[in-house]
PDB file of N, CA and C in Angstrom:
ATOM      1  N   MET A   1       5.436  11.067 -30.197  1.00  0.00           N
ATOM      2  CA  MET A   1       4.277  10.566 -29.464  1.00  0.00           C
ATOM      3  C   MET A   1       4.203  11.255 -28.104  1.00  0.00           C
ATOM      4  N   SER A   2       3.054  11.761 -27.744  1.00  0.00           N
ATOM      5  CA  SER A   2       2.907  12.485 -26.489  1.00  0.00           C
ATOM      6  C   SER A   2       2.680  11.511 -25.331  1.00  0.00           C
ATOM      7  N   GLU A   3       3.071  11.970 -24.142  1.00  0.00           N
ATOM      8  CA  GLU A   3       2.872  11.169 -22.943  1.00  0.00           C
ATOM      9  C   GLU A   3       1.396  11.085 -22.615  1.00  0.00           C
ATOM     10  N   GLU A   4       1.004   9.935 -22.097  1.00  0.00           N
ATOM     11  CA  GLU A   4      -0.374   9.794 -21.619  1.00  0.00           C
ATOM     12  C   GLU A   4      -0.514  10.604 -20.340  1.00  0.00           C
ATOM     13  N   ARG A   5      -1.573  11.363 -20.253  1.00  0.00           N
ATOM     14  CA  ARG A   5      -1.879  12.129 -19.049  1.00  0.00           C
ATOM     15  C   ARG A   5      -3.323  11.853 -18.667  1.00  0.00           C
ATOM     16  N   LEU A   6      -3.525  11.683 -17.372  1.00  0.00           N
ATOM     17  CA  LEU A   6      -4.864  11.420 -16.864  1.00  0.00           C
ATOM     18  C   LEU A   6      -5.355  12.623 -16.075  1.00  0.00           C
ATOM     19  N   THR A   7      -6.644  12.859 -16.151  1.00  0.00           N
ATOM     20  CA  THR A   7      -7.262  13.878 -15.315  1.00  0.00           C
ATOM     21  C   THR A   7      -7.426  13.306 -13.910  1.00  0.00           C
ATOM     22  N   PHE A   8      -7.831  14.145 -12.977  1.00  0.00           N
ATOM     23  CA  PHE A   8      -8.071  13.722 -11.596  1.00  0.00           C
ATOM     24  C   PHE A   8      -9.083  12.574 -11.564  1.00  0.00           C
ATOM     25  N   LYS A   9     -10.183  12.757 -12.275  1.00  0.00           N
ATOM     26  CA  LYS A   9     -11.249  11.744 -12.292  1.00  0.00           C
ATOM     27  C   LYS A   9     -10.759  10.447 -12.934  1.00  0.00           C
ATOM     28  N   GLU A  10     -10.003  10.544 -14.014  1.00  0.00           N
ATOM     29  CA  GLU A  10      -9.476   9.348 -14.680  1.00  0.00           C
ATOM     30  C   GLU A  10      -8.481   8.611 -13.784  1.00  0.00           C
ATOM     31  N   MET A  11      -7.693   9.372 -13.053  1.00  0.00           N
ATOM     32  CA  MET A  11      -6.715   8.768 -12.136  1.00  0.00           C
ATOM     33  C   MET A  11      -7.434   7.983 -11.040  1.00  0.00           C
ATOM     34  N   CYS A  12      -8.487   8.571 -10.486  1.00  0.00           N
ATOM     35  CA  CYS A  12      -9.282   7.864  -9.467  1.00  0.00           C
ATOM     36  C   CYS A  12      -9.842   6.566 -10.036  1.00  0.00           C
ATOM     37  N   ALA A  13     -10.374   6.625 -11.241  1.00  0.00           N
ATOM     38  CA  ALA A  13     -10.975   5.445 -11.861  1.00  0.00           C
ATOM     39  C   ALA A  13      -9.919   4.391 -12.182  1.00  0.00           C
ATOM     40  N   LYS A  14      -8.804   4.799 -12.759  1.00  0.00           N
ATOM     41  CA  LYS A  14      -7.758   3.850 -13.153  1.00  0.00           C
ATOM     42  C   LYS A  14      -7.240   3.060 -11.958  1.00  0.00           C
ATOM     43  N   PHE A  15      -7.070   3.743 -10.820  1.00  0.00           N
ATOM     44  CA  PHE A  15      -6.486   3.085  -9.649  1.00  0.00           C
ATOM     45  C   PHE A  15      -7.522   2.702  -8.597  1.00  0.00           C
ATOM     46  N   ASP A  16      -8.784   2.921  -8.898  1.00  0.00           N
ATOM     47  CA  ASP A  16      -9.875   2.554  -8.009  1.00  0.00           C
ATOM     48  C   ASP A  16      -9.671   3.123  -6.605  1.00  0.00           C
ATOM     49  N   VAL A  17      -9.412   4.434  -6.567  1.00  0.00           N
ATOM     50  CA  VAL A  17      -9.279   5.137  -5.288  1.00  0.00           C
ATOM     51  C   VAL A  17     -10.294   6.275  -5.253  1.00  0.00           C
ATOM     52  N   THR A  18     -10.605   6.712  -4.065  1.00  0.00           N
ATOM     53  CA  THR A  18     -11.550   7.813  -3.916  1.00  0.00           C
ATOM     54  C   THR A  18     -10.837   9.140  -4.177  1.00  0.00           C
ATOM     55  N   PRO A  19     -11.601  10.163  -4.548  1.00  0.00           N
ATOM     56  CA  PRO A  19     -10.992  11.494  -4.688  1.00  0.00           C
ATOM     57  C   PRO A  19     -10.291  11.940  -3.406  1.00  0.00           C
ATOM     58  N   ARG A  20     -10.881  11.618  -2.278  1.00  0.00           N
ATOM     59  CA  ARG A  20     -10.275  11.989  -0.998  1.00  0.00           C
ATOM     60  C   ARG A  20      -8.899  11.350  -0.833  1.00  0.00           C
ATOM     61  N   THR A  21      -8.773  10.076  -1.209  1.00  0.00           N
ATOM     62  CA  THR A  21      -7.488   9.377  -1.121  1.00  0.00           C
ATOM     63  C   THR A  21      -6.456  10.036  -2.027  1.00  0.00           C
ATOM     64  N   LEU A  22      -6.852  10.322  -3.247  1.00  0.00           N
ATOM     65  CA  LEU A  22      -5.929  10.932  -4.196  1.00  0.00           C
ATOM     66  C   LEU A  22      -5.481  12.314  -3.710  1.00  0.00           C
ATOM     67  N   ARG A  23      -6.405  13.098  -3.212  1.00  0.00           N
ATOM     68  CA  ARG A  23      -6.043  14.413  -2.675  1.00  0.00           C
ATOM     69  C   ARG A  23      -5.112  14.271  -1.470  1.00  0.00           C
ATOM     70  N   TYR A  24      -5.360  13.274  -0.625  1.00  0.00           N
ATOM     71  CA  TYR A  24      -4.508  13.064   0.544  1.00  0.00           C
ATOM     72  C   TYR A  24      -3.087  12.691   0.113  1.00  0.00           C
ATOM     73  N   TYR A  25      -2.953  11.820  -0.876  1.00  0.00           N
ATOM     74  CA  TYR A  25      -1.625  11.441  -1.363  1.00  0.00           C
ATOM     75  C   TYR A  25      -0.880  12.653  -1.913  1.00  0.00           C
ATOM     76  N   GLU A  26      -1.613  13.572  -2.512  1.00  0.00           N
ATOM     77  CA  GLU A  26      -0.990  14.814  -2.967  1.00  0.00           C
ATOM     78  C   GLU A  26      -0.601  15.671  -1.759  1.00  0.00           C
ATOM     79  N   TYR A  27      -1.474  15.773  -0.788  1.00  0.00           N
ATOM     80  CA  TYR A  27      -1.242  16.590   0.407  1.00  0.00           C
ATOM     81  C   TYR A  27       0.019  16.156   1.142  1.00  0.00           C
ATOM     82  N   ILE A  28       0.238  14.847   1.252  1.00  0.00           N
ATOM     83  CA  ILE A  28       1.425  14.359   1.964  1.00  0.00           C
ATOM     84  C   ILE A  28       2.607  14.177   1.015  1.00  0.00           C
ATOM     85  N   GLU A  29       2.466  14.707  -0.184  1.00  0.00           N
ATOM     86  CA  GLU A  29       3.530  14.769  -1.181  1.00  0.00           C
ATOM     87  C   GLU A  29       4.003  13.425  -1.694  1.00  0.00           C
ATOM     88  N   LEU A  30       3.093  12.475  -1.775  1.00  0.00           N
ATOM     89  CA  LEU A  30       3.404  11.226  -2.462  1.00  0.00           C
ATOM     90  C   LEU A  30       3.255  11.406  -3.966  1.00  0.00           C
ATOM     91  N   LEU A  31       2.361  12.288  -4.358  1.00  0.00           N
ATOM     92  CA  LEU A  31       2.102  12.586  -5.772  1.00  0.00           C
ATOM     93  C   LEU A  31       2.185  14.087  -6.000  1.00  0.00           C
ATOM     94  N   SER A  32       2.647  14.453  -7.177  1.00  0.00           N
ATOM     95  CA  SER A  32       2.731  15.873  -7.557  1.00  0.00           C
ATOM     96  C   SER A  32       2.262  16.036  -8.997  1.00  0.00           C
ATOM     97  N   PRO A  33       0.954  16.120  -9.211  1.00  0.00           N
ATOM     98  CA  PRO A  33       0.452  16.242 -10.584  1.00  0.00           C
ATOM     99  C   PRO A  33       0.787  17.609 -11.184  1.00  0.00           C
ATOM    100  N   ASP A  34       0.773  17.649 -12.515  1.00  0.00           N
ATOM    101  CA  ASP A  34       0.889  18.934 -13.204  1.00  0.00           C
ATOM    102  C   ASP A  34      -0.420  19.669 -13.018  1.00  0.00           C
ATOM    103  N   ARG A  35      -0.329  20.971 -12.848  1.00  0.00           N
ATOM    104  CA  ARG A  35      -1.541  21.775 -12.669  1.00  0.00           C
ATOM    105  C   ARG A  35      -1.649  22.764 -13.810  1.00  0.00           C
ATOM    106  N   GLU A  36      -2.854  22.837 -14.326  1.00  0.00           N
ATOM    107  CA  GLU A  36      -3.185  23.823 -15.350  1.00  0.00           C
ATOM    108  C   GLU A  36      -4.463  24.488 -14.891  1.00  0.00           C
ATOM    109  N   GLY A  37      -4.309  25.660 -14.306  1.00  0.00           N
ATOM    110  CA  GLY A  37      -5.456  26.308 -13.688  1.00  0.00           C
ATOM    111  C   GLY A  37      -5.880  25.491 -12.489  1.00  0.00           C
ATOM    112  N   ARG A  38      -7.151  25.135 -12.473  1.00  0.00           N
ATOM    113  CA  ARG A  38      -7.675  24.310 -11.363  1.00  0.00           C
ATOM    114  C   ARG A  38      -7.604  22.820 -11.662  1.00  0.00           C
ATOM    115  N   SER A  39      -7.197  22.476 -12.871  1.00  0.00           N
ATOM    116  CA  SER A  39      -7.157  21.063 -13.285  1.00  0.00           C
ATOM    117  C   SER A  39      -5.816  20.430 -12.926  1.00  0.00           C
ATOM    118  N   ARG A  40      -5.878  19.139 -12.622  1.00  0.00           N
ATOM    119  CA  ARG A  40      -4.675  18.355 -12.330  1.00  0.00           C
ATOM    120  C   ARG A  40      -4.523  17.310 -13.418  1.00  0.00           C
ATOM    121  N   PHE A  41      -3.271  17.065 -13.799  1.00  0.00           N
ATOM    122  CA  PHE A  41      -2.983  16.038 -14.795  1.00  0.00           C
ATOM    123  C   PHE A  41      -1.837  15.172 -14.291  1.00  0.00           C
ATOM    124  N   TYR A  42      -2.011  13.876 -14.458  1.00  0.00           N
ATOM    125  CA  TYR A  42      -1.062  12.893 -13.960  1.00  0.00           C
ATOM    126  C   TYR A  42      -0.402  12.203 -15.146  1.00  0.00           C
ATOM    127  N   GLY A  43       0.933  12.332 -15.221  1.00  0.00           N
ATOM    128  CA  GLY A  43       1.695  11.710 -16.297  1.00  0.00           C
ATOM    129  C   GLY A  43       2.201  10.336 -15.895  1.00  0.00           C
ATOM    130  N   PRO A  44       3.037   9.734 -16.741  1.00  0.00           N
ATOM    131  CA  PRO A  44       3.561   8.388 -16.470  1.00  0.00           C
ATOM    132  C   PRO A  44       4.290   8.265 -15.131  1.00  0.00           C
ATOM    133  N   LYS A  45       5.042   9.311 -14.749  1.00  0.00           N
ATOM    134  CA  LYS A  45       5.773   9.253 -13.475  1.00  0.00           C
ATOM    135  C   LYS A  45       4.805   9.143 -12.299  1.00  0.00           C
ATOM    136  N   GLU A  46       3.751   9.939 -12.321  1.00  0.00           N
ATOM    137  CA  GLU A  46       2.788   9.903 -11.222  1.00  0.00           C
ATOM    138  C   GLU A  46       2.001   8.594 -11.218  1.00  0.00           C
ATOM    139  N   MET A  47       1.724   8.060 -12.397  1.00  0.00           N
ATOM    140  CA  MET A  47       1.019   6.770 -12.462  1.00  0.00           C
ATOM    141  C   MET A  47       1.905   5.652 -11.904  1.00  0.00           C
ATOM    142  N   ALA A  48       3.209   5.695 -12.218  1.00  0.00           N
ATOM    143  CA  ALA A  48       4.139   4.693 -11.684  1.00  0.00           C
ATOM    144  C   ALA A  48       4.234   4.817 -10.162  1.00  0.00           C
ATOM    145  N   ARG A  49       4.297   6.056  -9.671  1.00  0.00           N
ATOM    146  CA  ARG A  49       4.345   6.273  -8.223  1.00  0.00           C
ATOM    147  C   ARG A  49       3.077   5.743  -7.555  1.00  0.00           C
ATOM    148  N   MET A  50       1.934   5.973  -8.179  1.00  0.00           N
ATOM    149  CA  MET A  50       0.669   5.494  -7.613  1.00  0.00           C
ATOM    150  C   MET A  50       0.651   3.971  -7.548  1.00  0.00           C
ATOM    151  N   THR A  51       1.164   3.329  -8.581  1.00  0.00           N
ATOM    152  CA  THR A  51       1.250   1.864  -8.579  1.00  0.00           C
ATOM    153  C   THR A  51       2.090   1.393  -7.398  1.00  0.00           C
ATOM    154  N   LEU A  52       3.230   2.040  -7.181  1.00  0.00           N
ATOM    155  CA  LEU A  52       4.101   1.666  -6.066  1.00  0.00           C
ATOM    156  C   LEU A  52       3.454   1.948  -4.715  1.00  0.00           C
ATOM    157  N   ILE A  53       2.759   3.070  -4.622  1.00  0.00           N
ATOM    158  CA  ILE A  53       2.065   3.412  -3.371  1.00  0.00           C
ATOM    159  C   ILE A  53       1.037   2.336  -3.029  1.00  0.00           C
ATOM    160  N   LEU A  54       0.238   1.959  -4.005  1.00  0.00           N
ATOM    161  CA  LEU A  54      -0.815   0.967  -3.751  1.00  0.00           C
ATOM    162  C   LEU A  54      -0.236  -0.398  -3.441  1.00  0.00           C
ATOM    163  N   ARG A  55       0.857  -0.760  -4.108  1.00  0.00           N
ATOM    164  CA  ARG A  55       1.522  -2.021  -3.765  1.00  0.00           C
ATOM    165  C   ARG A  55       2.039  -1.976  -2.329  1.00  0.00           C
ATOM    166  N   GLY A  56       2.680  -0.873  -1.983  1.00  0.00           N
ATOM    167  CA  GLY A  56       3.194  -0.733  -0.624  1.00  0.00           C
ATOM    168  C   GLY A  56       2.102  -0.840   0.418  1.00  0.00           C
ATOM    169  N   ARG A  57       0.963  -0.215   0.151  1.00  0.00           N
ATOM    170  CA  ARG A  57      -0.181  -0.292   1.081  1.00  0.00           C
ATOM    171  C   ARG A  57      -0.677  -1.737   1.181  1.00  0.00           C
ATOM    172  N   ARG A  58      -0.751  -2.398   0.040  1.00  0.00           N
ATOM    173  CA  ARG A  58      -1.229  -3.795   0.034  1.00  0.00           C
ATOM    174  C   ARG A  58      -0.306  -4.691   0.865  1.00  0.00           C
ATOM    175  N   TRP A  59       0.981  -4.393   0.831  1.00  0.00           N
ATOM    176  CA  TRP A  59       1.955  -5.191   1.571  1.00  0.00           C
ATOM    177  C   TRP A  59       2.072  -4.759   3.020  1.00  0.00           C
ATOM    178  N   GLY A  60       1.290  -3.749   3.409  1.00  0.00           N
ATOM    179  CA  GLY A  60       1.244  -3.348   4.808  1.00  0.00           C
ATOM    180  C   GLY A  60       2.216  -2.259   5.225  1.00  0.00           C
ATOM    181  N   PHE A  61       2.872  -1.607   4.280  1.00  0.00           N
ATOM    182  CA  PHE A  61       3.795  -0.536   4.626  1.00  0.00           C
ATOM    183  C   PHE A  61       3.025   0.729   4.985  1.00  0.00           C
ATOM    184  N   PRO A  62       3.458   1.440   6.027  1.00  0.00           N
ATOM    185  CA  PRO A  62       2.828   2.728   6.347  1.00  0.00           C
ATOM    186  C   PRO A  62       3.151   3.757   5.257  1.00  0.00           C
ATOM    187  N   LEU A  63       2.268   4.737   5.104  1.00  0.00           N
ATOM    188  CA  LEU A  63       2.463   5.754   4.069  1.00  0.00           C
ATOM    189  C   LEU A  63       3.771   6.515   4.252  1.00  0.00           C
ATOM    190  N   GLU A  64       4.168   6.788   5.470  1.00  0.00           N
ATOM    191  CA  GLU A  64       5.420   7.509   5.698  1.00  0.00           C
ATOM    192  C   GLU A  64       6.613   6.711   5.185  1.00  0.00           C
ATOM    193  N   THR A  65       6.610   5.410   5.386  1.00  0.00           N
ATOM    194  CA  THR A  65       7.681   4.556   4.875  1.00  0.00           C
ATOM    195  C   THR A  65       7.690   4.590   3.351  1.00  0.00           C
ATOM    196  N   ILE A  66       6.510   4.515   2.751  1.00  0.00           N
ATOM    197  CA  ILE A  66       6.408   4.572   1.286  1.00  0.00           C
ATOM    198  C   ILE A  66       6.932   5.913   0.773  1.00  0.00           C
ATOM    199  N   ARG A  67       6.563   6.993   1.446  1.00  0.00           N
ATOM    200  CA  ARG A  67       7.017   8.325   1.038  1.00  0.00           C
ATOM    201  C   ARG A  67       8.541   8.416   1.080  1.00  0.00           C
ATOM    202  N   GLN A  68       9.136   7.937   2.160  1.00  0.00           N
ATOM    203  CA  GLN A  68      10.595   7.969   2.282  1.00  0.00           C
ATOM    204  C   GLN A  68      11.253   7.112   1.209  1.00  0.00           C
ATOM    205  N   TRP A  69      10.678   5.961   0.936  1.00  0.00           N
ATOM    206  CA  TRP A  69      11.228   5.061  -0.075  1.00  0.00           C
ATOM    207  C   TRP A  69      11.174   5.706  -1.452  1.00  0.00           C
ATOM    208  N   LEU A  70      10.076   6.377  -1.770  1.00  0.00           N
ATOM    209  CA  LEU A  70       9.963   7.066  -3.056  1.00  0.00           C
ATOM    210  C   LEU A  70      10.966   8.222  -3.140  1.00  0.00           C
ATOM    211  N   GLN A  71      11.233   8.885  -2.042  1.00  0.00           N
ATOM    212  CA  GLN A  71      12.200   9.983  -2.035  1.00  0.00           C
ATOM    213  C   GLN A  71      13.624   9.495  -2.299  1.00  0.00           C
ATOM    214  N   ILE A  72      13.936   8.304  -1.877  1.00  0.00           N
ATOM    215  CA  ILE A  72      15.276   7.758  -2.117  1.00  0.00           C
ATOM    216  C   ILE A  72      15.554   7.735  -3.616  1.00  0.00           C
ATOM    217  N   TYR A  73      14.578   7.323  -4.409  1.00  0.00           N
ATOM    218  CA  TYR A  73      14.763   7.285  -5.861  1.00  0.00           C
ATOM    219  C   TYR A  73      15.059   8.686  -6.392  1.00  0.00           C
ATOM    220  N   GLU A  74      14.304   9.671  -5.927  1.00  0.00           N
ATOM    221  CA  GLU A  74      14.476  11.048  -6.399  1.00  0.00           C
ATOM    222  C   GLU A  74      15.861  11.591  -6.040  1.00  0.00           C
ATOM    223  N   GLN A  75      16.372  11.226  -4.864  1.00  0.00           N
ATOM    224  CA  GLN A  75      17.618  11.806  -4.371  1.00  0.00           C
ATOM    225  C   GLN A  75      18.853  10.977  -4.695  1.00  0.00           C
ATOM    226  N   GLU A  76      18.700   9.650  -4.700  1.00  0.00           N
ATOM    227  CA  GLU A  76      19.893   8.807  -4.785  1.00  0.00           C
ATOM    228  C   GLU A  76      19.861   7.769  -5.903  1.00  0.00           C
ATOM    229  N   GLY A  77      18.743   7.631  -6.592  1.00  0.00           N
ATOM    230  CA  GLY A  77      18.702   6.727  -7.739  1.00  0.00           C
ATOM    231  C   GLY A  77      18.117   5.360  -7.444  1.00  0.00           C
ATOM    232  N   ASN A  78      18.062   4.586  -8.495  1.00  0.00           N
ATOM    233  CA  ASN A  78      17.383   3.298  -8.490  1.00  0.00           C
ATOM    234  C   ASN A  78      18.082   2.250  -7.624  1.00  0.00           C
ATOM    235  N   GLU A  79      19.409   2.182  -7.682  1.00  0.00           N
ATOM    236  CA  GLU A  79      20.107   1.152  -6.911  1.00  0.00           C
ATOM    237  C   GLU A  79      19.924   1.346  -5.408  1.00  0.00           C
ATOM    238  N   LYS A  80      20.044   2.580  -4.945  1.00  0.00           N
ATOM    239  CA  LYS A  80      19.824   2.868  -3.522  1.00  0.00           C
ATOM    240  C   LYS A  80      18.384   2.550  -3.123  1.00  0.00           C
ATOM    241  N   GLN A  81      17.443   2.867  -4.018  1.00  0.00           N
ATOM    242  CA  GLN A  81      16.046   2.595  -3.729  1.00  0.00           C
ATOM    243  C   GLN A  81      15.812   1.090  -3.609  1.00  0.00           C
ATOM    244  N   MET A  82      16.402   0.321  -4.521  1.00  0.00           N
ATOM    245  CA  MET A  82      16.228  -1.141  -4.464  1.00  0.00           C
ATOM    246  C   MET A  82      16.860  -1.707  -3.191  1.00  0.00           C
ATOM    247  N   THR A  83      18.029  -1.202  -2.823  1.00  0.00           N
ATOM    248  CA  THR A  83      18.694  -1.652  -1.595  1.00  0.00           C
ATOM    249  C   THR A  83      17.826  -1.350  -0.371  1.00  0.00           C
ATOM    250  N   ALA A  84      17.285  -0.140  -0.348  1.00  0.00           N
ATOM    251  CA  ALA A  84      16.403   0.245   0.766  1.00  0.00           C
ATOM    252  C   ALA A  84      15.169  -0.643   0.799  1.00  0.00           C
ATOM    253  N   PHE A  85      14.615  -0.960  -0.377  1.00  0.00           N
ATOM    254  CA  PHE A  85      13.414  -1.787  -0.397  1.00  0.00           C
ATOM    255  C   PHE A  85      13.697  -3.188   0.132  1.00  0.00           C
ATOM    256  N   VAL A  86      14.848  -3.748  -0.214  1.00  0.00           N
ATOM    257  CA  VAL A  86      15.189  -5.090   0.286  1.00  0.00           C
ATOM    258  C   VAL A  86      15.184  -5.087   1.814  1.00  0.00           C
ATOM    259  N   LYS A  87      15.763  -4.054   2.416  1.00  0.00           N
ATOM    260  CA  LYS A  87      15.777  -3.952   3.875  1.00  0.00           C
ATOM    261  C   LYS A  87      14.354  -3.806   4.428  1.00  0.00           C
ATOM    262  N   LEU A  88      13.575  -2.911   3.817  1.00  0.00           N
ATOM    263  CA  LEU A  88      12.187  -2.724   4.255  1.00  0.00           C
ATOM    264  C   LEU A  88      11.380  -4.011   4.101  1.00  0.00           C
ATOM    265  N   ALA A  89      11.590  -4.702   2.995  1.00  0.00           N
ATOM    266  CA  ALA A  89      10.854  -5.943   2.740  1.00  0.00           C
ATOM    267  C   ALA A  89      11.194  -6.994   3.792  1.00  0.00           C
ATOM    268  N   ASP A  90      12.481  -7.105   4.143  1.00  0.00           N
ATOM    269  CA  ASP A  90      12.881  -8.060   5.186  1.00  0.00           C
ATOM    270  C   ASP A  90      12.170  -7.768   6.502  1.00  0.00           C
ATOM    271  N   GLU A  91      12.137  -6.484   6.879  1.00  0.00           N
ATOM    272  CA  GLU A  91      11.465  -6.097   8.121  1.00  0.00           C
ATOM    273  C   GLU A  91       9.971  -6.381   8.059  1.00  0.00           C
ATOM    274  N   GLN A  92       9.361  -6.041   6.925  1.00  0.00           N
ATOM    275  CA  GLN A  92       7.911  -6.252   6.785  1.00  0.00           C
ATOM    276  C   GLN A  92       7.577  -7.735   6.763  1.00  0.00           C
ATOM    277  N   LEU A  93       8.388  -8.533   6.081  1.00  0.00           N
ATOM    278  CA  LEU A  93       8.155  -9.981   6.058  1.00  0.00           C
ATOM    279  C   LEU A  93       8.258 -10.574   7.459  1.00  0.00           C
ATOM    280  N   ARG A  94       9.234 -10.106   8.247  1.00  0.00           N
ATOM    281  CA  ARG A  94       9.352 -10.577   9.630  1.00  0.00           C
ATOM    282  C   ARG A  94       8.085 -10.247  10.418  1.00  0.00           C
ATOM    283  N   ASP A  95       7.609  -9.007  10.272  1.00  0.00           N
ATOM    284  CA  ASP A  95       6.394  -8.588  10.976  1.00  0.00           C
ATOM    285  C   ASP A  95       5.176  -9.385  10.518  1.00  0.00           C
ATOM    286  N   LEU A  96       5.052  -9.595   9.217  1.00  0.00           N
ATOM    287  CA  LEU A  96       3.907 -10.347   8.690  1.00  0.00           C
ATOM    288  C   LEU A  96       3.934 -11.793   9.148  1.00  0.00           C
ATOM    289  N   ARG A  97       5.121 -12.383   9.215  1.00  0.00           N
ATOM    290  CA  ARG A  97       5.224 -13.776   9.694  1.00  0.00           C
ATOM    291  C   ARG A  97       4.836 -13.878  11.166  1.00  0.00           C
ATOM    292  N   MET A  98       5.190 -12.859  11.954  1.00  0.00           N
ATOM    293  CA  MET A  98       4.780 -12.846  13.361  1.00  0.00           C
ATOM    294  C   MET A  98       3.257 -12.733  13.453  1.00  0.00           C
ATOM    295  N   GLN A  99       2.678 -11.845  12.649  1.00  0.00           N
ATOM    296  CA  GLN A  99       1.224 -11.697  12.637  1.00  0.00           C
ATOM    297  C   GLN A  99       0.554 -12.992  12.180  1.00  0.00           C
ATOM    298  N   GLN A 100       1.162 -13.645  11.204  1.00  0.00           N
ATOM    299  CA  GLN A 100       0.615 -14.907  10.698  1.00  0.00           C
ATOM    300  C   GLN A 100       0.614 -15.969  11.802  1.00  0.00           C
ATOM    301  N   ALA A 101       1.700 -16.040  12.555  1.00  0.00           N
ATOM    302  CA  ALA A 101       1.781 -17.017  13.653  1.00  0.00           C
ATOM    303  C   ALA A 101       0.748 -16.702  14.727  1.00  0.00           C
ATOM    304  N   GLU A 102       0.597 -15.413  15.051  1.00  0.00           N
ATOM    305  CA  GLU A 102      -0.398 -15.014  16.045  1.00  0.00           C
ATOM    306  C   GLU A 102      -1.808 -15.342  15.562  1.00  0.00           C
ATOM    307  N   LEU A 103      -2.066 -15.083  14.302  1.00  0.00           N
ATOM    308  CA  LEU A 103      -3.376 -15.369  13.734  1.00  0.00           C
ATOM    309  C   LEU A 103      -3.646 -16.875  13.724  1.00  0.00           C
ATOM    310  N   ALA A 104      -2.631 -17.669  13.392  1.00  0.00           N
ATOM    311  CA  ALA A 104      -2.800 -19.129  13.408  1.00  0.00           C
ATOM    312  C   ALA A 104      -3.152 -19.611  14.817  1.00  0.00           C
ATOM    313  N   ALA A 105      -2.530 -19.030  15.833  1.00  0.00           N
ATOM    314  CA  ALA A 105      -2.826 -19.414  17.221  1.00  0.00           C
ATOM    315  C   ALA A 105      -4.259 -19.035  17.590  1.00  0.00           C
ATOM    316  N   VAL A 106      -4.711 -17.868  17.175  1.00  0.00           N
ATOM    317  CA  VAL A 106      -6.083 -17.441  17.464  1.00  0.00           C
ATOM    318  C   VAL A 106      -7.091 -18.338  16.753  1.00  0.00           C
ATOM    319  N   VAL A 107      -6.794 -18.691  15.490  1.00  0.00           N
ATOM    320  CA  VAL A 107      -7.683 -19.583  14.735  1.00  0.00           C
ATOM    321  C   VAL A 107      -7.777 -20.933  15.435  1.00  0.00           C
ATOM    322  N   LYS A 108      -6.640 -21.480  15.866  1.00  0.00           N
ATOM    323  CA  LYS A 108      -6.650 -22.774  16.557  1.00  0.00           C
ATOM    324  C   LYS A 108      -7.455 -22.692  17.846  1.00  0.00           C
ATOM    325  N   GLU A 109      -7.262 -21.616  18.601  1.00  0.00           N
ATOM    326  CA  GLU A 109      -7.997 -21.433  19.849  1.00  0.00           C
ATOM    327  C   GLU A 109      -9.507 -21.393  19.601  1.00  0.00           C
ATOM    328  N   LEU A 110      -9.921 -20.668  18.586  1.00  0.00           N
ATOM    329  CA  LEU A 110     -11.343 -20.567  18.266  1.00  0.00           C
ATOM    330  C   LEU A 110     -11.886 -21.906  17.776  1.00  0.00           C
ATOM    331  N   GLU A 111     -11.106 -22.609  16.953  1.00  0.00           N
ATOM    332  CA  GLU A 111     -11.544 -23.930  16.486  1.00  0.00           C
ATOM    333  C   GLU A 111     -11.710 -24.895  17.658  1.00  0.00           C
ATOM    334  N   ASP A 112     -10.757 -24.872  18.604  1.00  0.00           N
ATOM    335  CA  ASP A 112     -10.835 -25.743  19.775  1.00  0.00           C
ATOM    336  C   ASP A 112     -12.067 -25.419  20.618  1.00  0.00           C
ATOM    337  N   LEU A 113     -12.331 -24.133  20.837  1.00  0.00           N
ATOM    338  CA  LEU A 113     -13.506 -23.734  21.604  1.00  0.00           C
ATOM    339  C   LEU A 113     -14.781 -24.186  20.906  1.00  0.00           C
ATOM    340  N   LYS A 114     -14.855 -23.976  19.613  1.00  0.00           N
ATOM    341  CA  LYS A 114     -16.025 -24.386  18.845  1.00  0.00           C
ATOM    342  C   LYS A 114     -16.228 -25.906  18.961  1.00  0.00           C
ATOM    343  N   SER A 115     -15.137 -26.645  18.817  1.00  0.00           N
ATOM    344  CA  SER A 115     -15.223 -28.109  18.901  1.00  0.00           C
ATOM    345  C   SER A 115     -15.695 -28.553  20.293  1.00  0.00           C
ATOM    346  N   ASN A 116     -15.166 -27.946  21.332  1.00  0.00           N
ATOM    347  CA  ASN A 116     -15.571 -28.282  22.701  1.00  0.00           C
ATOM    348  C   ASN A 116     -17.050 -27.965  22.924  1.00  0.00           C
ATOM    349  N   LEU A 117     -17.500 -26.830  22.417  1.00  0.00           N
ATOM    350  CA  LEU A 117     -18.898 -26.458  22.575  1.00  0.00           C
ATOM    351  C   LEU A 117     -19.819 -27.408  21.803  1.00  0.00           C
ATOM    352  N   GLN A 118     -19.389 -27.795  20.603  1.00  0.00           N
ATOM    353  CA  GLN A 118     -20.203 -28.753  19.834  1.00  0.00           C
ATOM    354  C   GLN A 118     -20.290 -30.088  20.558  1.00  0.00           C
ATOM    355  N   THR A 119     -19.178 -30.514  21.149  1.00  0.00           N
ATOM    356  CA  THR A 119     -19.181 -31.758  21.905  1.00  0.00           C
ATOM    357  C   THR A 119     -20.116 -31.654  23.116  1.00  0.00           C
ATOM    358  N   SER A 120     -20.070 -30.527  23.792  1.00  0.00           N
ATOM    359  CA  SER A 120     -20.948 -30.295  24.949  1.00  0.00           C
ATOM    360  C   SER A 120     -22.411 -30.322  24.525  1.00  0.00           C
ATOM    361  N   LEU A 121     -22.716 -29.708  23.402  1.00  0.00           N
ATOM    362  CA  LEU A 121     -24.105 -29.665  22.918  1.00  0.00           C
ATOM    363  C   LEU A 121     -24.608 -31.058  22.555  1.00  0.00           C
ATOM    364  N   LYS A 122     -23.745 -31.884  22.011  1.00  0.00           N
ATOM    365  CA  LYS A 122     -24.152 -33.246  21.649  1.00  0.00           C
ATOM    366  C   LYS A 122     -24.361 -34.112  22.881  1.00  0.00           C
ATOM    367  N   GLY A 123     -23.611 -33.824  23.951  1.00  0.00           N
ATOM    368  CA  GLY A 123     -23.693 -34.599  25.185  1.00  0.00           C
ATOM    369  C   GLY A 123     -24.943 -34.332  25.995  1.00  0.00           C
ATOM    370  N   GLU A 124     -25.644 -33.246  25.701  1.00  0.00           N
ATOM    371  CA  GLU A 124     -26.844 -32.913  26.503  1.00  0.00           C
ATOM    372  C   GLU A 124     -28.009 -33.759  26.146  1.00  0.00           C
TER     373      GLU A 124
END
């Protein structure tokens, strides 16, 4: 059974990314498709990498961090990569919790202002 391979256009559609995004990920060496002439083909490895890239972006990791994390697998294997991810995840969770607390404070401040203004409007 042959490996599934996607064209550039199919890869964009499958992962709902723009051609510009896909080309940029190649430019910064997050992805390395097979090339046949001017055509690019993405196999299972590149599709798995794209899944990880998009998850990392969704979780707020910078592309450089994602690139380094993907390189760990290539150079040192799965266990080192998982260990590195646990550390990165701890750091990111700490940052997200701080952002969450800051956002909660801003929401409360805005709610209080809105409530005070509504009270003022009713008093007139």
